N, C-alpha and C. Protein backbone atom coordinates (compact mmCIF):
# COMPACT_ATOMS: atom_id res chain seq x y z
N ILE A 1 -48.40 3.67 34.32
CA ILE A 1 -49.26 3.52 33.15
C ILE A 1 -48.64 4.25 31.96
N MET A 2 -48.11 5.45 32.21
CA MET A 2 -47.51 6.21 31.12
C MET A 2 -46.26 5.51 30.58
N ALA A 3 -45.44 4.94 31.48
CA ALA A 3 -44.23 4.24 31.04
C ALA A 3 -44.59 3.05 30.16
N ASN A 4 -45.62 2.31 30.54
CA ASN A 4 -46.05 1.17 29.73
C ASN A 4 -46.53 1.61 28.35
N GLN A 5 -47.22 2.72 28.28
CA GLN A 5 -47.68 3.23 27.00
C GLN A 5 -46.51 3.66 26.12
N VAL A 6 -45.52 4.30 26.71
CA VAL A 6 -44.32 4.71 25.95
C VAL A 6 -43.62 3.48 25.39
N ILE A 7 -43.47 2.45 26.21
CA ILE A 7 -42.80 1.22 25.75
C ILE A 7 -43.61 0.57 24.63
N ARG A 8 -44.94 0.53 24.77
CA ARG A 8 -45.79 -0.03 23.71
C ARG A 8 -45.61 0.75 22.40
N ASP A 9 -45.54 2.08 22.50
CA ASP A 9 -45.34 2.90 21.31
C ASP A 9 -43.98 2.64 20.68
N LEU A 10 -42.94 2.52 21.50
CA LEU A 10 -41.60 2.25 20.98
C LEU A 10 -41.56 0.90 20.28
N VAL A 11 -42.18 -0.08 20.87
CA VAL A 11 -42.18 -1.42 20.28
C VAL A 11 -42.94 -1.43 18.98
N SER A 12 -44.07 -0.73 18.93
CA SER A 12 -44.83 -0.70 17.68
C SER A 12 -44.03 -0.02 16.57
N ASP A 13 -43.19 0.95 16.92
CA ASP A 13 -42.32 1.60 15.93
C ASP A 13 -41.23 0.65 15.45
N SER A 14 -40.68 -0.15 16.36
CA SER A 14 -39.53 -0.99 16.02
C SER A 14 -39.92 -2.34 15.46
N ARG A 15 -41.16 -2.76 15.62
CA ARG A 15 -41.60 -4.06 15.13
C ARG A 15 -41.78 -3.97 13.63
N GLY A 16 -41.33 -4.96 12.93
CA GLY A 16 -41.48 -4.95 11.47
C GLY A 16 -40.59 -5.98 10.83
N ASP A 17 -40.24 -5.73 9.62
CA ASP A 17 -39.45 -6.68 8.86
C ASP A 17 -37.95 -6.45 9.03
N PHE A 18 -37.55 -5.60 9.96
CA PHE A 18 -36.15 -5.29 10.15
C PHE A 18 -35.60 -5.99 11.38
N PHE A 19 -34.32 -6.14 11.41
CA PHE A 19 -33.71 -6.80 12.55
C PHE A 19 -33.43 -5.80 13.66
N PHE A 20 -33.21 -6.33 14.85
CA PHE A 20 -32.87 -5.49 15.98
C PHE A 20 -31.74 -6.13 16.76
N ILE A 21 -31.09 -5.35 17.57
CA ILE A 21 -29.97 -5.80 18.38
C ILE A 21 -30.29 -5.51 19.84
N ILE A 22 -30.06 -6.49 20.70
CA ILE A 22 -30.29 -6.28 22.13
C ILE A 22 -29.00 -5.79 22.76
N ILE A 23 -29.10 -4.73 23.51
CA ILE A 23 -27.97 -4.22 24.27
C ILE A 23 -28.32 -4.43 25.73
N ARG A 24 -27.49 -5.15 26.43
CA ARG A 24 -27.80 -5.42 27.83
C ARG A 24 -26.57 -5.14 28.68
N ASP A 25 -26.84 -4.77 29.91
CA ASP A 25 -25.78 -4.53 30.88
C ASP A 25 -26.35 -4.90 32.23
N LYS A 26 -25.51 -5.29 33.15
CA LYS A 26 -25.99 -5.60 34.48
C LYS A 26 -25.23 -4.76 35.48
N TYR A 27 -25.89 -4.48 36.57
CA TYR A 27 -25.24 -3.72 37.62
C TYR A 27 -25.92 -4.05 38.94
N THR A 28 -25.26 -3.69 40.02
CA THR A 28 -25.83 -3.86 41.35
C THR A 28 -26.28 -2.49 41.83
N ASN A 29 -27.55 -2.39 42.22
CA ASN A 29 -28.05 -1.09 42.66
C ASN A 29 -27.64 -0.82 44.11
N ILE A 30 -28.05 0.31 44.63
CA ILE A 30 -27.62 0.74 45.95
C ILE A 30 -28.07 -0.22 47.06
N SER A 31 -29.15 -0.96 46.82
CA SER A 31 -29.63 -1.92 47.81
C SER A 31 -29.03 -3.31 47.60
N LYS A 32 -27.96 -3.38 46.79
CA LYS A 32 -27.20 -4.61 46.53
C LYS A 32 -27.99 -5.66 45.75
N LYS A 33 -28.96 -5.24 44.92
CA LYS A 33 -29.72 -6.16 44.08
C LYS A 33 -29.19 -6.08 42.66
N GLU A 34 -29.02 -7.24 42.06
CA GLU A 34 -28.58 -7.30 40.66
C GLU A 34 -29.71 -6.87 39.75
N GLN A 35 -29.41 -6.02 38.77
CA GLN A 35 -30.40 -5.60 37.79
C GLN A 35 -29.80 -5.70 36.40
N LEU A 36 -30.68 -5.98 35.47
CA LEU A 36 -30.30 -6.08 34.07
C LEU A 36 -30.95 -4.92 33.33
N THR A 37 -30.17 -4.18 32.56
CA THR A 37 -30.68 -3.09 31.75
C THR A 37 -30.83 -3.61 30.32
N ILE A 38 -31.98 -3.34 29.71
CA ILE A 38 -32.19 -3.81 28.34
C ILE A 38 -32.56 -2.62 27.45
N CYS A 39 -31.79 -2.49 26.37
CA CYS A 39 -32.07 -1.51 25.32
C CYS A 39 -32.13 -2.29 24.02
N ILE A 40 -32.85 -1.77 23.07
CA ILE A 40 -32.92 -2.40 21.76
C ILE A 40 -32.53 -1.38 20.70
N TRP A 41 -31.65 -1.80 19.83
CA TRP A 41 -31.17 -0.99 18.73
C TRP A 41 -31.83 -1.52 17.48
N TRP A 42 -32.49 -0.68 16.70
CA TRP A 42 -33.20 -1.14 15.52
C TRP A 42 -33.13 -0.10 14.41
N PHE A 43 -33.53 -0.50 13.21
CA PHE A 43 -33.48 0.36 12.03
C PHE A 43 -34.89 0.61 11.50
N ASP A 44 -35.15 1.85 11.08
CA ASP A 44 -36.46 2.17 10.50
C ASP A 44 -36.42 1.96 8.98
N ASN A 45 -37.51 2.36 8.31
CA ASN A 45 -37.61 2.15 6.86
C ASN A 45 -36.55 2.90 6.07
N GLU A 46 -36.03 4.00 6.63
CA GLU A 46 -34.97 4.76 5.96
C GLU A 46 -33.58 4.28 6.38
N LEU A 47 -33.54 3.16 7.08
CA LEU A 47 -32.31 2.55 7.60
C LEU A 47 -31.57 3.45 8.59
N GLU A 48 -32.33 4.29 9.29
CA GLU A 48 -31.75 5.08 10.38
C GLU A 48 -31.77 4.24 11.64
N ALA A 49 -30.66 4.30 12.37
CA ALA A 49 -30.55 3.51 13.60
C ALA A 49 -31.25 4.23 14.76
N HIS A 50 -31.91 3.45 15.61
CA HIS A 50 -32.57 3.96 16.82
C HIS A 50 -32.16 3.09 17.99
N GLU A 51 -31.99 3.69 19.14
CA GLU A 51 -31.70 2.93 20.36
C GLU A 51 -32.73 3.33 21.40
N ASP A 52 -33.49 2.34 21.88
CA ASP A 52 -34.55 2.60 22.85
C ASP A 52 -34.31 1.80 24.13
N PHE A 53 -34.49 2.47 25.25
CA PHE A 53 -34.36 1.87 26.57
C PHE A 53 -35.69 1.22 26.92
N PHE A 54 -35.64 -0.06 27.34
CA PHE A 54 -36.86 -0.79 27.67
C PHE A 54 -37.00 -1.11 29.15
N GLY A 55 -35.98 -0.88 29.93
CA GLY A 55 -36.19 -1.03 31.36
C GLY A 55 -35.06 -1.69 32.12
N PHE A 56 -35.24 -1.65 33.43
CA PHE A 56 -34.38 -2.35 34.37
C PHE A 56 -35.14 -3.58 34.84
N TYR A 57 -34.47 -4.72 34.89
CA TYR A 57 -35.11 -5.96 35.30
C TYR A 57 -34.29 -6.62 36.40
N HIS A 58 -34.96 -6.97 37.49
CA HIS A 58 -34.29 -7.63 38.61
C HIS A 58 -33.90 -9.04 38.19
N VAL A 59 -32.68 -9.45 38.51
CA VAL A 59 -32.22 -10.81 38.27
C VAL A 59 -31.68 -11.38 39.58
N PRO A 60 -32.05 -12.61 39.92
CA PRO A 60 -31.59 -13.21 41.17
C PRO A 60 -30.09 -13.52 41.17
N ASP A 61 -29.54 -13.76 39.96
CA ASP A 61 -28.11 -14.01 39.82
C ASP A 61 -27.69 -13.61 38.41
N THR A 62 -26.42 -13.66 38.13
CA THR A 62 -25.93 -13.21 36.83
C THR A 62 -25.37 -14.35 35.98
N THR A 63 -25.93 -15.54 36.17
CA THR A 63 -25.52 -16.65 35.31
C THR A 63 -26.07 -16.42 33.91
N SER A 64 -25.44 -17.02 32.94
CA SER A 64 -25.89 -16.85 31.56
C SER A 64 -27.31 -17.37 31.37
N GLU A 65 -27.66 -18.46 32.07
CA GLU A 65 -29.01 -19.01 31.96
C GLU A 65 -30.06 -18.00 32.42
N THR A 66 -29.78 -17.33 33.53
CA THR A 66 -30.72 -16.35 34.06
C THR A 66 -30.85 -15.16 33.13
N ILE A 67 -29.74 -14.65 32.64
CA ILE A 67 -29.76 -13.48 31.76
C ILE A 67 -30.50 -13.80 30.46
N VAL A 68 -30.23 -14.96 29.87
CA VAL A 68 -30.93 -15.36 28.64
C VAL A 68 -32.43 -15.52 28.91
N SER A 69 -32.77 -16.09 30.04
CA SER A 69 -34.17 -16.27 30.40
C SER A 69 -34.89 -14.92 30.51
N VAL A 70 -34.27 -13.95 31.16
CA VAL A 70 -34.87 -12.62 31.30
C VAL A 70 -35.01 -11.95 29.94
N ILE A 71 -33.99 -12.04 29.11
CA ILE A 71 -34.06 -11.43 27.77
C ILE A 71 -35.18 -12.05 26.96
N LYS A 72 -35.30 -13.39 26.99
CA LYS A 72 -36.38 -14.06 26.26
C LYS A 72 -37.74 -13.62 26.79
N ASP A 73 -37.86 -13.49 28.10
CA ASP A 73 -39.12 -13.06 28.70
C ASP A 73 -39.49 -11.65 28.25
N VAL A 74 -38.52 -10.75 28.24
CA VAL A 74 -38.77 -9.37 27.82
C VAL A 74 -39.20 -9.34 26.36
N LEU A 75 -38.51 -10.09 25.50
CA LEU A 75 -38.88 -10.12 24.08
C LEU A 75 -40.28 -10.70 23.88
N LEU A 76 -40.60 -11.72 24.65
CA LEU A 76 -41.93 -12.32 24.56
C LEU A 76 -43.00 -11.32 24.97
N ARG A 77 -42.77 -10.60 26.06
CA ARG A 77 -43.73 -9.59 26.51
C ARG A 77 -43.90 -8.45 25.50
N LEU A 78 -42.82 -8.12 24.80
CA LEU A 78 -42.86 -7.04 23.82
C LEU A 78 -43.30 -7.51 22.43
N LEU A 79 -43.56 -8.82 22.32
CA LEU A 79 -43.96 -9.43 21.04
C LEU A 79 -42.90 -9.23 19.96
N LEU A 80 -41.64 -9.32 20.36
CA LEU A 80 -40.53 -9.24 19.42
C LEU A 80 -39.95 -10.64 19.23
N SER A 81 -39.68 -11.01 18.01
CA SER A 81 -39.21 -12.35 17.70
C SER A 81 -37.69 -12.46 17.83
N LEU A 82 -37.26 -13.58 18.42
CA LEU A 82 -35.81 -13.85 18.49
C LEU A 82 -35.22 -14.03 17.10
N VAL A 83 -36.04 -14.44 16.15
CA VAL A 83 -35.57 -14.64 14.77
C VAL A 83 -35.03 -13.32 14.19
N SER A 84 -35.64 -12.21 14.59
CA SER A 84 -35.22 -10.90 14.06
C SER A 84 -34.05 -10.31 14.82
N CYS A 85 -33.63 -11.00 15.86
CA CYS A 85 -32.56 -10.48 16.71
C CYS A 85 -31.20 -10.84 16.13
């Protein structure tokens, strides 16, 4: 519950008229499952850069279609527009 609240607070800070950049990386965890890490880099009103970690997401495979689908899903859940990306 606390993690979800922190993410909601981060998103409310980063949502606005400014653009953001998605930083993603994938790795295989100790149990041999592929995971995608998503961070978002954004600028505040003073044009200071911020980088926020939004989570690890399980992916069944590492094809570009799967990775794009997960990124779109995360942005949709966070109410962030692809237009600003």
